[in-house]
Amino acid sequence: AENVELPLTYLDIKASEREERVSNILKR
């Protein structure tokens, strides 16, 4: 999850949205 989230961290996207996006892409 942290590996996938990394690009969003660099884009300064808030934590709740990062978590949701990571969850969605891992489901896919």
PDB file of all heavy atoms in Angstrom:
ATOM      1  N   ALA A   1       0.829  -1.208   0.000  1.00  0.00           N
ATOM      2  CA  ALA A   1       0.000   0.000   0.000  1.00  0.00           C
ATOM      3  C   ALA A   1       0.864   1.259   0.000  1.00  0.00           C
ATOM      4  O   ALA A   1       0.573   2.231  -0.715  1.00  0.00           O
ATOM      5  CB  ALA A   1      -0.935   0.004   1.203  1.00  0.00           C
ATOM      6  N   GLU A   2       1.954   1.245   0.769  1.00  0.00           N
ATOM      7  CA  GLU A   2       2.834   2.420   0.853  1.00  0.00           C
ATOM      8  C   GLU A   2       3.574   2.649  -0.462  1.00  0.00           C
ATOM      9  O   GLU A   2       3.777   3.793  -0.882  1.00  0.00           O
ATOM     10  CB  GLU A   2       3.830   2.241   2.004  1.00  0.00           C
ATOM     11  CG  GLU A   2       3.183   2.383   3.377  1.00  0.00           C
ATOM     12  CD  GLU A   2       4.065   1.871   4.509  1.00  0.00           C
ATOM     13  OE1 GLU A   2       5.043   1.126   4.249  1.00  0.00           O
ATOM     14  OE2 GLU A   2       3.761   2.193   5.668  1.00  0.00           O
ATOM     15  N   ASN A   3       3.986   1.564  -1.127  1.00  0.00           N
ATOM     16  CA  ASN A   3       4.626   1.690  -2.436  1.00  0.00           C
ATOM     17  C   ASN A   3       3.689   2.340  -3.445  1.00  0.00           C
ATOM     18  O   ASN A   3       4.083   3.242  -4.190  1.00  0.00           O
ATOM     19  CB  ASN A   3       5.057   0.311  -2.953  1.00  0.00           C
ATOM     20  CG  ASN A   3       6.495  -0.029  -2.643  1.00  0.00           C
ATOM     21  OD1 ASN A   3       7.424   0.476  -3.273  1.00  0.00           O
ATOM     22  ND2 ASN A   3       6.685  -0.894  -1.656  1.00  0.00           N
ATOM     23  N   VAL A   4       2.454   1.876  -3.449  1.00  0.00           N
ATOM     24  CA  VAL A   4       1.468   2.399  -4.409  1.00  0.00           C
ATOM     25  C   VAL A   4       1.136   3.862  -4.100  1.00  0.00           C
ATOM     26  O   VAL A   4       0.944   4.680  -4.999  1.00  0.00           O
ATOM     27  CB  VAL A   4       0.190   1.522  -4.389  1.00  0.00           C
ATOM     28  CG1 VAL A   4      -0.907   2.126  -5.261  1.00  0.00           C
ATOM     29  CG2 VAL A   4       0.517   0.107  -4.877  1.00  0.00           C
ATOM     30  N   GLU A   5       1.101   4.190  -2.833  1.00  0.00           N
ATOM     31  CA  GLU A   5       0.710   5.529  -2.392  1.00  0.00           C
ATOM     32  C   GLU A   5       1.777   6.597  -2.698  1.00  0.00           C
ATOM     33  O   GLU A   5       1.469   7.790  -2.806  1.00  0.00           O
ATOM     34  CB  GLU A   5       0.458   5.493  -0.877  1.00  0.00           C
ATOM     35  CG  GLU A   5      -0.022   6.804  -0.281  1.00  0.00           C
ATOM     36  CD  GLU A   5      -0.138   6.730   1.233  1.00  0.00           C
ATOM     37  OE1 GLU A   5       0.510   5.852   1.859  1.00  0.00           O
ATOM     38  OE2 GLU A   5      -0.882   7.547   1.792  1.00  0.00           O
ATOM     39  N   LEU A   6       3.016   6.168  -2.853  1.00  0.00           N
ATOM     40  CA  LEU A   6       4.154   7.090  -2.926  1.00  0.00           C
ATOM     41  C   LEU A   6       3.978   8.261  -3.900  1.00  0.00           C
ATOM     42  O   LEU A   6       4.195   9.422  -3.528  1.00  0.00           O
ATOM     43  CB  LEU A   6       5.420   6.294  -3.264  1.00  0.00           C
ATOM     44  CG  LEU A   6       6.744   6.864  -2.780  1.00  0.00           C
ATOM     45  CD1 LEU A   6       6.729   7.156  -1.290  1.00  0.00           C
ATOM     46  CD2 LEU A   6       7.881   5.911  -3.124  1.00  0.00           C
ATOM     47  N   PRO A   7       3.553   8.032  -5.160  1.00  0.00           N
ATOM     48  CA  PRO A   7       3.409   9.170  -6.082  1.00  0.00           C
ATOM     49  C   PRO A   7       2.404  10.216  -5.589  1.00  0.00           C
ATOM     50  O   PRO A   7       2.574  11.412  -5.844  1.00  0.00           O
ATOM     51  CB  PRO A   7       2.922   8.526  -7.387  1.00  0.00           C
ATOM     52  CG  PRO A   7       3.317   7.099  -7.288  1.00  0.00           C
ATOM     53  CD  PRO A   7       3.250   6.758  -5.836  1.00  0.00           C
ATOM     54  N   LEU A   8       1.375   9.764  -4.878  1.00  0.00           N
ATOM     55  CA  LEU A   8       0.356  10.699  -4.374  1.00  0.00           C
ATOM     56  C   LEU A   8       0.930  11.562  -3.257  1.00  0.00           C
ATOM     57  O   LEU A   8       0.544  12.719  -3.097  1.00  0.00           O
ATOM     58  CB  LEU A   8      -0.864   9.935  -3.867  1.00  0.00           C
ATOM     59  CG  LEU A   8      -1.590   9.050  -4.890  1.00  0.00           C
ATOM     60  CD1 LEU A   8      -2.798   8.387  -4.235  1.00  0.00           C
ATOM     61  CD2 LEU A   8      -2.011   9.846  -6.114  1.00  0.00           C
ATOM     62  N   THR A   9       1.852  10.996  -2.479  1.00  0.00           N
ATOM     63  CA  THR A   9       2.512  11.757  -1.414  1.00  0.00           C
ATOM     64  C   THR A   9       3.279  12.927  -2.013  1.00  0.00           C
ATOM     65  O   THR A   9       3.232  14.053  -1.513  1.00  0.00           O
ATOM     66  CB  THR A   9       3.468  10.838  -0.628  1.00  0.00           C
ATOM     67  OG1 THR A   9       2.758   9.660  -0.244  1.00  0.00           O
ATOM     68  CG2 THR A   9       3.995  11.516   0.620  1.00  0.00           C
ATOM     69  N   TYR A  10       3.979  12.652  -3.111  1.00  0.00           N
ATOM     70  CA  TYR A  10       4.755  13.708  -3.780  1.00  0.00           C
ATOM     71  C   TYR A  10       3.853  14.779  -4.388  1.00  0.00           C
ATOM     72  O   TYR A  10       4.279  15.910  -4.608  1.00  0.00           O
ATOM     73  CB  TYR A  10       5.651  13.116  -4.872  1.00  0.00           C
ATOM     74  CG  TYR A  10       6.771  12.265  -4.350  1.00  0.00           C
ATOM     75  CD1 TYR A  10       7.037  11.005  -4.894  1.00  0.00           C
ATOM     76  CD2 TYR A  10       7.577  12.706  -3.301  1.00  0.00           C
ATOM     77  CE1 TYR A  10       8.073  10.220  -4.408  1.00  0.00           C
ATOM     78  CE2 TYR A  10       8.615  11.924  -2.815  1.00  0.00           C
ATOM     79  CZ  TYR A  10       8.859  10.685  -3.369  1.00  0.00           C
ATOM     80  OH  TYR A  10       9.884   9.906  -2.884  1.00  0.00           O
ATOM     81  N   LEU A  11       2.610  14.409  -4.673  1.00  0.00           N
ATOM     82  CA  LEU A  11       1.664  15.377  -5.267  1.00  0.00           C
ATOM     83  C   LEU A  11       0.880  16.139  -4.201  1.00  0.00           C
ATOM     84  O   LEU A  11      -0.038  16.898  -4.520  1.00  0.00           O
ATOM     85  CB  LEU A  11       0.684  14.642  -6.201  1.00  0.00           C
ATOM     86  CG  LEU A  11       1.284  14.090  -7.501  1.00  0.00           C
ATOM     87  CD1 LEU A  11       0.289  13.171  -8.204  1.00  0.00           C
ATOM     88  CD2 LEU A  11       1.724  15.207  -8.432  1.00  0.00           C
ATOM     89  N   ASP A  12       1.231  15.908  -2.937  1.00  0.00           N
ATOM     90  CA  ASP A  12       0.579  16.616  -1.813  1.00  0.00           C
ATOM     91  C   ASP A  12      -0.928  16.385  -1.753  1.00  0.00           C
ATOM     92  O   ASP A  12      -1.701  17.298  -1.427  1.00  0.00           O
ATOM     93  CB  ASP A  12       0.868  18.130  -1.878  1.00  0.00           C
ATOM     94  CG  ASP A  12       2.340  18.429  -1.668  1.00  0.00           C
ATOM     95  OD1 ASP A  12       2.991  17.684  -0.922  1.00  0.00           O
ATOM     96  OD2 ASP A  12       2.832  19.397  -2.266  1.00  0.00           O
ATOM     97  N   ILE A  13      -1.349  15.179  -2.093  1.00  0.00           N
ATOM     98  CA  ILE A  13      -2.773  14.836  -2.006  1.00  0.00           C
ATOM     99  C   ILE A  13      -3.077  14.420  -0.569  1.00  0.00           C
ATOM    100  O   ILE A  13      -2.299  13.704   0.064  1.00  0.00           O
ATOM    101  CB  ILE A  13      -3.110  13.716  -3.018  1.00  0.00           C
ATOM    102  CG1 ILE A  13      -3.062  14.297  -4.435  1.00  0.00           C
ATOM    103  CG2 ILE A  13      -4.465  13.087  -2.732  1.00  0.00           C
ATOM    104  CD1 ILE A  13      -3.125  13.287  -5.545  1.00  0.00           C
ATOM    105  N   LYS A  14      -4.202  14.868  -0.052  1.00  0.00           N
ATOM    106  CA  LYS A  14      -4.505  14.632   1.376  1.00  0.00           C
ATOM    107  C   LYS A  14      -4.663  13.137   1.669  1.00  0.00           C
ATOM    108  O   LYS A  14      -5.053  12.357   0.801  1.00  0.00           O
ATOM    109  CB  LYS A  14      -5.721  15.437   1.819  1.00  0.00           C
ATOM    110  CG  LYS A  14      -7.008  15.101   1.117  1.00  0.00           C
ATOM    111  CD  LYS A  14      -8.124  16.024   1.603  1.00  0.00           C
ATOM    112  CE  LYS A  14      -9.451  15.608   0.955  1.00  0.00           C
ATOM    113  NZ  LYS A  14     -10.550  16.485   1.337  1.00  0.00           N
ATOM    114  N   ALA A  15      -4.390  12.799   2.922  1.00  0.00           N
ATOM    115  CA  ALA A  15      -4.285  11.397   3.342  1.00  0.00           C
ATOM    116  C   ALA A  15      -5.545  10.589   3.053  1.00  0.00           C
ATOM    117  O   ALA A  15      -5.473   9.448   2.594  1.00  0.00           O
ATOM    118  CB  ALA A  15      -3.937  11.321   4.822  1.00  0.00           C
ATOM    119  N   SER A  16      -6.723  11.170   3.307  1.00  0.00           N
ATOM    120  CA  SER A  16      -7.973  10.414   3.113  1.00  0.00           C
ATOM    121  C   SER A  16      -8.168  10.050   1.641  1.00  0.00           C
ATOM    122  O   SER A  16      -8.589   8.934   1.315  1.00  0.00           O
ATOM    123  CB  SER A  16      -9.168  11.212   3.626  1.00  0.00           C
ATOM    124  OG  SER A  16      -9.255  12.462   2.964  1.00  0.00           O
ATOM    125  N   GLU A  17      -7.823  10.979   0.740  1.00  0.00           N
ATOM    126  CA  GLU A  17      -7.969  10.683  -0.692  1.00  0.00           C
ATOM    127  C   GLU A  17      -6.921   9.670  -1.144  1.00  0.00           C
ATOM    128  O   GLU A  17      -7.213   8.790  -1.959  1.00  0.00           O
ATOM    129  CB  GLU A  17      -7.850  11.964  -1.537  1.00  0.00           C
ATOM    130  CG  GLU A  17      -8.171  11.694  -3.003  1.00  0.00           C
ATOM    131  CD  GLU A  17      -8.024  12.914  -3.908  1.00  0.00           C
ATOM    132  OE1 GLU A  17      -8.066  14.050  -3.398  1.00  0.00           O
ATOM    133  OE2 GLU A  17      -7.852  12.709  -5.114  1.00  0.00           O
ATOM    134  N   ARG A  18      -5.720   9.797  -0.589  1.00  0.00           N
ATOM    135  CA  ARG A  18      -4.661   8.828  -0.931  1.00  0.00           C
ATOM    136  C   ARG A  18      -5.107   7.413  -0.568  1.00  0.00           C
ATOM    137  O   ARG A  18      -4.986   6.480  -1.356  1.00  0.00           O
ATOM    138  CB  ARG A  18      -3.354   9.163  -0.188  1.00  0.00           C
ATOM    139  CG  ARG A  18      -2.696  10.452  -0.619  1.00  0.00           C
ATOM    140  CD  ARG A  18      -1.204  10.471  -0.287  1.00  0.00           C
ATOM    141  NE  ARG A  18      -0.866  10.164   1.079  1.00  0.00           N
ATOM    142  CZ  ARG A  18      -0.690  11.058   2.049  1.00  0.00           C
ATOM    143  NH1 ARG A  18      -0.851  12.355   1.799  1.00  0.00           N
ATOM    144  NH2 ARG A  18      -0.363  10.678   3.276  1.00  0.00           N
ATOM    145  N   GLU A  19      -5.664   7.285   0.644  1.00  0.00           N
ATOM    146  CA  GLU A  19      -6.108   5.978   1.142  1.00  0.00           C
ATOM    147  C   GLU A  19      -7.198   5.397   0.242  1.00  0.00           C
ATOM    148  O   GLU A  19      -7.172   4.205  -0.099  1.00  0.00           O
ATOM    149  CB  GLU A  19      -6.625   6.153   2.574  1.00  0.00           C
ATOM    150  CG  GLU A  19      -6.807   4.847   3.317  1.00  0.00           C
ATOM    151  CD  GLU A  19      -7.237   5.085   4.774  1.00  0.00           C
ATOM    152  OE1 GLU A  19      -6.715   6.029   5.404  1.00  0.00           O
ATOM    153  OE2 GLU A  19      -8.098   4.335   5.227  1.00  0.00           O
ATOM    154  N   GLU A  20      -8.142   6.246  -0.154  1.00  0.00           N
ATOM    155  CA  GLU A  20      -9.239   5.779  -1.009  1.00  0.00           C
ATOM    156  C   GLU A  20      -8.724   5.335  -2.382  1.00  0.00           C
ATOM    157  O   GLU A  20      -9.120   4.297  -2.904  1.00  0.00           O
ATOM    158  CB  GLU A  20     -10.268   6.910  -1.188  1.00  0.00           C
ATOM    159  CG  GLU A  20     -11.512   6.462  -1.934  1.00  0.00           C
ATOM    160  CD  GLU A  20     -12.530   7.594  -2.112  1.00  0.00           C
ATOM    161  OE1 GLU A  20     -12.357   8.661  -1.494  1.00  0.00           O
ATOM    162  OE2 GLU A  20     -13.475   7.396  -2.884  1.00  0.00           O
ATOM    163  N   ARG A  21      -7.830   6.135  -2.953  1.00  0.00           N
ATOM    164  CA  ARG A  21      -7.294   5.794  -4.276  1.00  0.00           C
ATOM    165  C   ARG A  21      -6.486   4.496  -4.242  1.00  0.00           C
ATOM    166  O   ARG A  21      -6.596   3.669  -5.152  1.00  0.00           O
ATOM    167  CB  ARG A  21      -6.402   6.935  -4.790  1.00  0.00           C
ATOM    168  CG  ARG A  21      -7.185   8.112  -5.338  1.00  0.00           C
ATOM    169  CD  ARG A  21      -6.402   8.719  -6.487  1.00  0.00           C
ATOM    170  NE  ARG A  21      -6.515  10.153  -6.542  1.00  0.00           N
ATOM    171  CZ  ARG A  21      -5.794  10.911  -7.351  1.00  0.00           C
ATOM    172  NH1 ARG A  21      -4.877  10.388  -8.121  1.00  0.00           N
ATOM    173  NH2 ARG A  21      -5.970  12.220  -7.381  1.00  0.00           N
ATOM    174  N   VAL A  22      -5.691   4.328  -3.195  1.00  0.00           N
ATOM    175  CA  VAL A  22      -4.889   3.100  -3.065  1.00  0.00           C
ATOM    176  C   VAL A  22      -5.811   1.893  -2.923  1.00  0.00           C
ATOM    177  O   VAL A  22      -5.627   0.864  -3.582  1.00  0.00           O
ATOM    178  CB  VAL A  22      -3.920   3.191  -1.856  1.00  0.00           C
ATOM    179  CG1 VAL A  22      -3.283   1.826  -1.577  1.00  0.00           C
ATOM    180  CG2 VAL A  22      -2.841   4.228  -2.126  1.00  0.00           C
ATOM    181  N   SER A  23      -6.825   2.020  -2.088  1.00  0.00           N
ATOM    182  CA  SER A  23      -7.787   0.934  -1.891  1.00  0.00           C
ATOM    183  C   SER A  23      -8.464   0.548  -3.207  1.00  0.00           C
ATOM    184  O   SER A  23      -8.574  -0.636  -3.545  1.00  0.00           O
ATOM    185  CB  SER A  23      -8.832   1.371  -0.861  1.00  0.00           C
ATOM    186  OG  SER A  23      -9.863   0.424  -0.780  1.00  0.00           O
ATOM    187  N   ASN A  24      -8.875   1.561  -3.995  1.00  0.00           N
ATOM    188  CA  ASN A  24      -9.562   1.300  -5.266  1.00  0.00           C
ATOM    189  C   ASN A  24      -8.666   0.600  -6.275  1.00  0.00           C
ATOM    190  O   ASN A  24      -9.075  -0.344  -6.951  1.00  0.00           O
ATOM    191  CB  ASN A  24     -10.093   2.610  -5.858  1.00  0.00           C
ATOM    192  CG  ASN A  24     -11.264   3.161  -5.082  1.00  0.00           C
ATOM    193  OD1 ASN A  24     -11.908   2.428  -4.323  1.00  0.00           O
ATOM    194  ND2 ASN A  24     -11.554   4.449  -5.244  1.00  0.00           N
ATOM    195  N   ILE A  25      -7.415   1.069  -6.379  1.00  0.00           N
ATOM    196  CA  ILE A  25      -6.528   0.491  -7.397  1.00  0.00           C
ATOM    197  C   ILE A  25      -6.107  -0.929  -7.010  1.00  0.00           C
ATOM    198  O   ILE A  25      -5.989  -1.810  -7.863  1.00  0.00           O
ATOM    199  CB  ILE A  25      -5.295   1.387  -7.676  1.00  0.00           C
ATOM    200  CG1 ILE A  25      -4.627   1.010  -9.007  1.00  0.00           C
ATOM    201  CG2 ILE A  25      -4.253   1.329  -6.585  1.00  0.00           C
ATOM    202  CD1 ILE A  25      -5.253   1.598 -10.212  1.00  0.00           C
ATOM    203  N   LEU A  26      -5.928  -1.185  -5.713  1.00  0.00           N
ATOM    204  CA  LEU A  26      -5.561  -2.542  -5.282  1.00  0.00           C
ATOM    205  C   LEU A  26      -6.721  -3.520  -5.515  1.00  0.00           C
ATOM    206  O   LEU A  26      -6.498  -4.677  -5.873  1.00  0.00           O
ATOM    207  CB  LEU A  26      -5.135  -2.551  -3.812  1.00  0.00           C
ATOM    208  CG  LEU A  26      -3.808  -1.848  -3.491  1.00  0.00           C
ATOM    209  CD1 LEU A  26      -3.505  -1.924  -2.002  1.00  0.00           C
ATOM    210  CD2 LEU A  26      -2.657  -2.426  -4.299  1.00  0.00           C
ATOM    211  N   LYS A  27      -7.957  -3.021  -5.330  1.00  0.00           N
ATOM    212  CA  LYS A  27      -9.136  -3.865  -5.644  1.00  0.00           C
ATOM    213  C   LYS A  27      -9.144  -4.202  -7.127  1.00  0.00           C
ATOM    214  O   LYS A  27      -9.381  -5.354  -7.523  1.00  0.00           O
ATOM    215  CB  LYS A  27     -10.420  -3.105  -5.291  1.00  0.00           C
ATOM    216  CG  LYS A  27     -10.869  -3.289  -3.859  1.00  0.00           C
ATOM    217  CD  LYS A  27     -12.198  -2.583  -3.613  1.00  0.00           C
ATOM    218  CE  LYS A  27     -12.361  -2.331  -2.126  1.00  0.00           C
ATOM    219  NZ  LYS A  27     -13.136  -1.133  -1.825  1.00  0.00           N
ATOM    220  N   ARG A  28      -8.883  -3.200  -7.939  1.00  0.00           N
ATOM    221  CA  ARG A  28      -8.900  -3.410  -9.392  1.00  0.00           C
ATOM    222  C   ARG A  28      -7.856  -4.450  -9.815  1.00  0.00           C
ATOM    223  O   ARG A  28      -8.079  -5.222 -10.745  1.00  0.00           O
ATOM    224  CB  ARG A  28      -8.617  -2.085 -10.101  1.00  0.00           C
ATOM    225  CG  ARG A  28      -8.515  -2.243 -11.598  1.00  0.00           C
ATOM    226  CD  ARG A  28      -8.428  -0.935 -12.320  1.00  0.00           C
ATOM    227  NE  ARG A  28      -8.416  -1.201 -13.748  1.00  0.00           N
ATOM    228  CZ  ARG A  28      -8.494  -0.284 -14.663  1.00  0.00           C
ATOM    229  NH1 ARG A  28      -8.611   0.983 -14.334  1.00  0.00           N
ATOM    230  NH2 ARG A  28      -8.468  -0.610 -15.944  1.00  0.00           N
TER     231      ARG A  28
END
